[in-house]
């Protein structure tokens, strides 16, 4: 039989074991893949945020029309945020298209 070591807490040993197992799983590829980082994922996240803003504005407007306890100021604010987000998205799209046309018209 092994004698217990003095000064070592079993909970800290178990926590250390769990960390080692987690790292082992991450190194072996069993852990979740890291999120993509790049231009396409950034654009996707921004478009999702704009969509969420527009959905929220629609929900607030519908709640106001139903007569729920939503004041007109919050409705107008949500709609204005959605409008600004959409306009900004359009401007980014226009700049991207302009850059694409500039690159395509360059001589090779």
N, C-alpha and C. Protein backbone atom coordinates (compact mmCIF):
# COMPACT_ATOMS: atom_id res chain seq x y z
N UNK A 1 0.84 -1.18 0.00
CA UNK A 1 0.00 0.00 0.00
C UNK A 1 0.88 1.24 0.00
N UNK A 2 0.45 2.25 -0.75
CA UNK A 2 1.22 3.49 -0.86
C UNK A 2 0.78 4.44 0.24
N UNK A 3 1.73 5.00 0.91
CA UNK A 3 1.43 5.94 1.98
C UNK A 3 1.08 7.29 1.37
N UNK A 4 0.05 7.98 1.90
CA UNK A 4 -0.32 9.30 1.36
C UNK A 4 0.79 10.31 1.62
N UNK A 5 0.98 11.19 0.66
CA UNK A 5 1.99 12.23 0.78
C UNK A 5 1.45 13.38 1.63
N UNK A 6 2.32 13.91 2.46
CA UNK A 6 1.91 15.01 3.32
C UNK A 6 1.99 16.31 2.52
N UNK A 7 1.01 17.19 2.72
CA UNK A 7 1.02 18.50 2.10
C UNK A 7 0.42 18.55 0.70
N UNK A 8 -0.07 17.42 0.17
CA UNK A 8 -0.67 17.41 -1.16
C UNK A 8 -2.16 17.18 -1.01
N UNK A 9 -2.92 18.09 -1.57
CA UNK A 9 -4.38 18.02 -1.49
C UNK A 9 -4.90 17.18 -2.67
N UNK A 10 -5.80 16.27 -2.41
CA UNK A 10 -6.31 15.41 -3.48
C UNK A 10 -7.13 16.20 -4.50
N UNK A 11 -7.80 17.25 -4.07
CA UNK A 11 -8.59 18.02 -5.03
C UNK A 11 -7.70 18.75 -6.03
N UNK A 12 -6.53 19.22 -5.58
CA UNK A 12 -5.63 19.88 -6.53
C UNK A 12 -5.02 18.87 -7.49
N UNK A 13 -4.78 17.65 -7.03
CA UNK A 13 -4.28 16.61 -7.92
C UNK A 13 -5.33 16.24 -8.97
N UNK A 14 -6.57 16.14 -8.54
CA UNK A 14 -7.65 15.83 -9.49
C UNK A 14 -7.85 16.96 -10.49
N UNK A 15 -7.72 18.20 -10.04
CA UNK A 15 -7.85 19.34 -10.95
C UNK A 15 -6.72 19.34 -11.96
N UNK A 16 -5.51 19.01 -11.51
CA UNK A 16 -4.37 18.93 -12.41
C UNK A 16 -4.56 17.80 -13.43
N UNK A 17 -5.11 16.69 -12.98
CA UNK A 17 -5.39 15.57 -13.88
C UNK A 17 -6.40 15.97 -14.95
N UNK A 18 -7.44 16.70 -14.54
CA UNK A 18 -8.45 17.15 -15.50
C UNK A 18 -7.84 18.09 -16.53
N UNK A 19 -6.93 18.97 -16.09
CA UNK A 19 -6.27 19.87 -17.04
C UNK A 19 -5.42 19.09 -18.03
N UNK A 20 -4.72 18.08 -17.55
CA UNK A 20 -3.89 17.27 -18.44
C UNK A 20 -4.75 16.53 -19.45
N UNK A 21 -5.88 16.00 -19.01
CA UNK A 21 -6.78 15.31 -19.94
C UNK A 21 -7.36 16.26 -20.98
N UNK A 22 -7.70 17.48 -20.56
CA UNK A 22 -8.23 18.48 -21.50
C UNK A 22 -7.18 18.84 -22.55
N UNK A 23 -5.96 19.04 -22.11
CA UNK A 23 -4.90 19.39 -23.05
C UNK A 23 -4.61 18.23 -24.00
N UNK A 24 -4.67 17.03 -23.48
CA UNK A 24 -4.46 15.85 -24.31
C UNK A 24 -5.54 15.74 -25.37
N UNK A 25 -6.79 16.00 -24.98
CA UNK A 25 -7.89 15.95 -25.94
C UNK A 25 -7.73 17.04 -27.00
N UNK A 26 -7.28 18.21 -26.57
CA UNK A 26 -7.09 19.31 -27.52
C UNK A 26 -5.98 18.98 -28.51
N UNK A 27 -4.92 18.39 -28.04
CA UNK A 27 -3.81 18.05 -28.93
C UNK A 27 -4.14 16.91 -29.87
N UNK A 28 -5.01 16.01 -29.43
CA UNK A 28 -5.35 14.88 -30.29
C UNK A 28 -6.46 15.21 -31.28
N UNK A 29 -6.99 16.43 -31.21
CA UNK A 29 -7.99 16.85 -32.18
C UNK A 29 -9.42 16.55 -31.75
N UNK A 30 -9.62 16.10 -30.55
CA UNK A 30 -10.96 15.80 -30.09
C UNK A 30 -11.69 17.04 -29.60
N UNK A 31 -10.97 18.09 -29.33
CA UNK A 31 -11.59 19.33 -28.87
C UNK A 31 -12.24 20.04 -30.04
N UNK A 32 -13.09 20.98 -29.72
CA UNK A 32 -13.78 21.75 -30.76
C UNK A 32 -12.76 22.55 -31.56
N UNK A 33 -13.00 22.66 -32.85
CA UNK A 33 -12.11 23.40 -33.73
C UNK A 33 -12.20 24.89 -33.40
N UNK A 34 -11.09 25.61 -33.46
CA UNK A 34 -11.14 27.03 -33.18
C UNK A 34 -11.94 27.77 -34.25
N UNK A 35 -12.50 28.89 -33.88
CA UNK A 35 -13.31 29.67 -34.80
C UNK A 35 -12.43 30.19 -35.95
N UNK A 36 -13.03 30.27 -37.14
CA UNK A 36 -12.30 30.78 -38.29
C UNK A 36 -12.00 32.25 -38.06
N UNK A 37 -10.85 32.66 -38.48
CA UNK A 37 -10.54 34.07 -38.42
C UNK A 37 -10.13 34.49 -39.81
N UNK A 38 -10.75 35.51 -40.28
CA UNK A 38 -10.44 35.98 -41.61
C UNK A 38 -11.52 36.93 -42.09
N UNK A 39 -11.35 37.35 -43.30
CA UNK A 39 -12.26 38.34 -43.87
C UNK A 39 -13.67 37.78 -44.00
N UNK A 40 -13.80 36.55 -44.48
CA UNK A 40 -15.12 35.98 -44.70
C UNK A 40 -15.88 35.81 -43.39
N UNK A 41 -15.21 35.39 -42.33
CA UNK A 41 -15.91 35.24 -41.06
C UNK A 41 -16.26 36.60 -40.46
N UNK A 42 -15.42 37.60 -40.68
CA UNK A 42 -15.72 38.94 -40.17
C UNK A 42 -16.96 39.51 -40.87
N UNK A 43 -17.03 39.34 -42.19
CA UNK A 43 -18.19 39.82 -42.94
C UNK A 43 -19.45 39.08 -42.51
N UNK A 44 -19.33 37.77 -42.31
CA UNK A 44 -20.48 36.98 -41.89
C UNK A 44 -21.00 37.44 -40.54
N UNK A 45 -20.09 37.70 -39.61
CA UNK A 45 -20.52 38.15 -38.28
C UNK A 45 -21.18 39.52 -38.34
N UNK A 46 -20.65 40.40 -39.16
CA UNK A 46 -21.25 41.73 -39.29
C UNK A 46 -22.64 41.64 -39.91
N UNK A 47 -22.78 40.80 -40.93
CA UNK A 47 -24.10 40.64 -41.55
C UNK A 47 -25.11 40.03 -40.58
N UNK A 48 -24.65 39.11 -39.75
CA UNK A 48 -25.54 38.54 -38.73
C UNK A 48 -25.96 39.60 -37.71
N UNK A 49 -25.03 40.47 -37.35
CA UNK A 49 -25.35 41.54 -36.39
C UNK A 49 -26.36 42.52 -36.99
N UNK A 50 -26.18 42.87 -38.27
CA UNK A 50 -27.13 43.76 -38.94
C UNK A 50 -28.50 43.10 -39.03
N UNK A 51 -28.53 41.82 -39.34
CA UNK A 51 -29.78 41.09 -39.41
C UNK A 51 -30.48 41.05 -38.05
N UNK A 52 -29.69 40.84 -37.00
CA UNK A 52 -30.27 40.83 -35.64
C UNK A 52 -30.83 42.19 -35.27
N UNK A 53 -30.14 43.25 -35.67
CA UNK A 53 -30.62 44.60 -35.40
C UNK A 53 -31.94 44.86 -36.13
N UNK A 54 -32.04 44.42 -37.37
CA UNK A 54 -33.27 44.61 -38.12
C UNK A 54 -34.40 43.75 -37.55
N UNK A 55 -34.09 42.55 -37.11
CA UNK A 55 -35.11 41.69 -36.51
C UNK A 55 -35.63 42.30 -35.22
N UNK A 56 -34.72 42.84 -34.42
CA UNK A 56 -35.13 43.48 -33.16
C UNK A 56 -36.02 44.69 -33.44
N UNK A 57 -35.68 45.47 -34.45
CA UNK A 57 -36.50 46.63 -34.81
C UNK A 57 -37.88 46.18 -35.26
N UNK A 58 -37.95 45.11 -36.03
CA UNK A 58 -39.24 44.59 -36.45
C UNK A 58 -40.07 44.08 -35.28
N UNK A 59 -39.41 43.41 -34.34
CA UNK A 59 -40.13 42.91 -33.16
C UNK A 59 -40.66 44.04 -32.30
N UNK A 60 -39.84 45.07 -32.11
CA UNK A 60 -40.28 46.22 -31.30
C UNK A 60 -41.42 46.95 -31.99
N UNK A 61 -41.34 47.09 -33.30
CA UNK A 61 -42.41 47.75 -34.05
C UNK A 61 -43.71 46.95 -33.96
N UNK A 62 -43.60 45.64 -34.09
CA UNK A 62 -44.79 44.79 -33.99
C UNK A 62 -45.39 44.84 -32.59
N UNK A 63 -44.54 44.89 -31.58
CA UNK A 63 -45.04 44.99 -30.20
C UNK A 63 -45.76 46.31 -29.98
N UNK A 64 -45.23 47.37 -30.57
CA UNK A 64 -45.90 48.67 -30.44
C UNK A 64 -47.26 48.66 -31.14
N UNK A 65 -47.31 48.04 -32.32
CA UNK A 65 -48.56 47.98 -33.07
C UNK A 65 -49.60 47.12 -32.36
N UNK A 66 -49.16 46.10 -31.63
CA UNK A 66 -50.09 45.26 -30.86
C UNK A 66 -50.60 45.97 -29.62
N UNK A 67 -49.92 47.02 -29.20
CA UNK A 67 -50.34 47.74 -28.01
C UNK A 67 -49.63 47.30 -26.75
N UNK A 68 -48.55 46.57 -26.91
CA UNK A 68 -47.77 46.17 -25.74
C UNK A 68 -47.15 47.41 -25.11
N UNK A 69 -46.56 47.24 -23.95
CA UNK A 69 -45.99 48.37 -23.23
C UNK A 69 -44.63 48.76 -23.79
N UNK A 70 -44.64 49.25 -25.02
CA UNK A 70 -43.43 49.73 -25.67
C UNK A 70 -43.68 51.19 -26.04
N UNK A 71 -42.77 52.06 -25.62
CA UNK A 71 -42.96 53.48 -25.94
C UNK A 71 -42.44 53.79 -27.34
N UNK A 72 -42.93 54.86 -27.90
CA UNK A 72 -42.60 55.23 -29.28
C UNK A 72 -41.13 55.59 -29.43
N UNK A 73 -40.50 56.10 -28.38
CA UNK A 73 -39.09 56.47 -28.47
C UNK A 73 -38.21 55.24 -28.69
N UNK A 74 -38.51 54.15 -27.99
CA UNK A 74 -37.70 52.94 -28.18
C UNK A 74 -37.94 52.33 -29.55
N UNK A 75 -39.16 52.47 -30.06
CA UNK A 75 -39.45 51.97 -31.41
C UNK A 75 -38.66 52.76 -32.45
N UNK A 76 -38.70 54.06 -32.33
CA UNK A 76 -37.98 54.90 -33.29
C UNK A 76 -36.47 54.70 -33.18
N UNK A 77 -35.98 54.52 -31.97
CA UNK A 77 -34.55 54.29 -31.79
C UNK A 77 -34.11 52.97 -32.41
N UNK A 78 -34.89 51.92 -32.21
CA UNK A 78 -34.56 50.62 -32.79
C UNK A 78 -34.61 50.67 -34.31
N UNK A 79 -35.61 51.36 -34.85
CA UNK A 79 -35.71 51.46 -36.31
C UNK A 79 -34.57 52.28 -36.90
N UNK A 80 -34.17 53.33 -36.19
CA UNK A 80 -33.06 54.17 -36.67
C UNK A 80 -31.74 53.40 -36.62
N UNK A 81 -31.53 52.60 -35.56
CA UNK A 81 -30.32 51.78 -35.49
C UNK A 81 -30.28 50.79 -36.65
N UNK A 82 -31.42 50.17 -36.95
CA UNK A 82 -31.48 49.22 -38.06
C UNK A 82 -31.21 49.92 -39.39
N UNK A 83 -31.74 51.10 -39.55
CA UNK A 83 -31.53 51.85 -40.79
C UNK A 83 -30.07 52.23 -40.97
N UNK A 84 -29.45 52.70 -39.90
CA UNK A 84 -28.03 53.09 -39.98
C UNK A 84 -27.16 51.87 -40.25
N UNK A 85 -27.46 50.75 -39.61
CA UNK A 85 -26.68 49.53 -39.84
C UNK A 85 -26.81 49.07 -41.29
N UNK A 86 -28.02 49.15 -41.84
CA UNK A 86 -28.23 48.74 -43.22
C UNK A 86 -27.50 49.68 -44.19
N UNK A 87 -27.58 50.97 -43.94
CA UNK A 87 -26.89 51.95 -44.80
C UNK A 87 -25.38 51.75 -44.75
N UNK A 88 -24.84 51.47 -43.57
CA UNK A 88 -23.40 51.23 -43.45
C UNK A 88 -23.01 49.97 -44.21
N UNK A 89 -23.84 48.94 -44.13
CA UNK A 89 -23.58 47.71 -44.86
C UNK A 89 -23.58 47.96 -46.37
N UNK A 90 -24.53 48.75 -46.83
CA UNK A 90 -24.57 49.10 -48.26
C UNK A 90 -23.32 49.86 -48.69
N UNK A 91 -22.86 50.78 -47.86
CA UNK A 91 -21.66 51.55 -48.21
C UNK A 91 -20.43 50.65 -48.28
N UNK A 92 -20.33 49.69 -47.35
CA UNK A 92 -19.21 48.76 -47.39
C UNK A 92 -19.29 47.91 -48.65
N UNK A 93 -20.49 47.45 -48.98
CA UNK A 93 -20.65 46.65 -50.21
C UNK A 93 -20.24 47.46 -51.43
N UNK A 94 -20.65 48.72 -51.49
CA UNK A 94 -20.30 49.57 -52.62
C UNK A 94 -18.79 49.77 -52.73
N UNK A 95 -18.12 49.95 -51.60
CA UNK A 95 -16.67 50.12 -51.61
C UNK A 95 -15.98 48.83 -52.05
N UNK A 96 -16.49 47.69 -51.60
CA UNK A 96 -15.91 46.41 -52.01
C UNK A 96 -16.08 46.19 -53.51
N UNK A 97 -17.26 46.51 -54.04
CA UNK A 97 -17.48 46.38 -55.48
C UNK A 97 -16.58 47.31 -56.28
N UNK A 98 -16.40 48.51 -55.78
CA UNK A 98 -15.52 49.47 -56.45
C UNK A 98 -14.08 48.96 -56.46
N UNK A 99 -13.64 48.43 -55.34
CA UNK A 99 -12.28 47.88 -55.27
C UNK A 99 -12.14 46.68 -56.20
N UNK A 100 -13.16 45.84 -56.26
CA UNK A 100 -13.14 44.68 -57.15
C UNK A 100 -13.02 45.12 -58.61
N UNK A 101 -13.81 46.13 -59.00
CA UNK A 101 -13.74 46.62 -60.38
C UNK A 101 -12.38 47.23 -60.68
N UNK A 102 -11.80 47.94 -59.69
CA UNK A 102 -10.47 48.52 -59.90
C UNK A 102 -9.42 47.43 -60.12
N UNK A 103 -9.51 46.37 -59.30
CA UNK A 103 -8.54 45.28 -59.44
C UNK A 103 -8.73 44.57 -60.77
N UNK A 104 -9.95 44.35 -61.18
CA UNK A 104 -10.21 43.63 -62.42
C UNK A 104 -9.82 44.45 -63.64
N UNK A 105 -9.82 45.77 -63.54
CA UNK A 105 -9.46 46.59 -64.69
C UNK A 105 -7.96 46.85 -64.79
N UNK A 106 -7.19 46.35 -63.82
CA UNK A 106 -5.74 46.54 -63.89
C UNK A 106 -5.14 45.68 -65.00
N UNK A 107 -4.19 46.23 -65.72
CA UNK A 107 -3.54 45.41 -66.75
C UNK A 107 -2.63 44.37 -66.10
N UNK A 108 -2.54 43.24 -66.77
CA UNK A 108 -1.72 42.14 -66.23
C UNK A 108 -0.31 42.22 -66.71
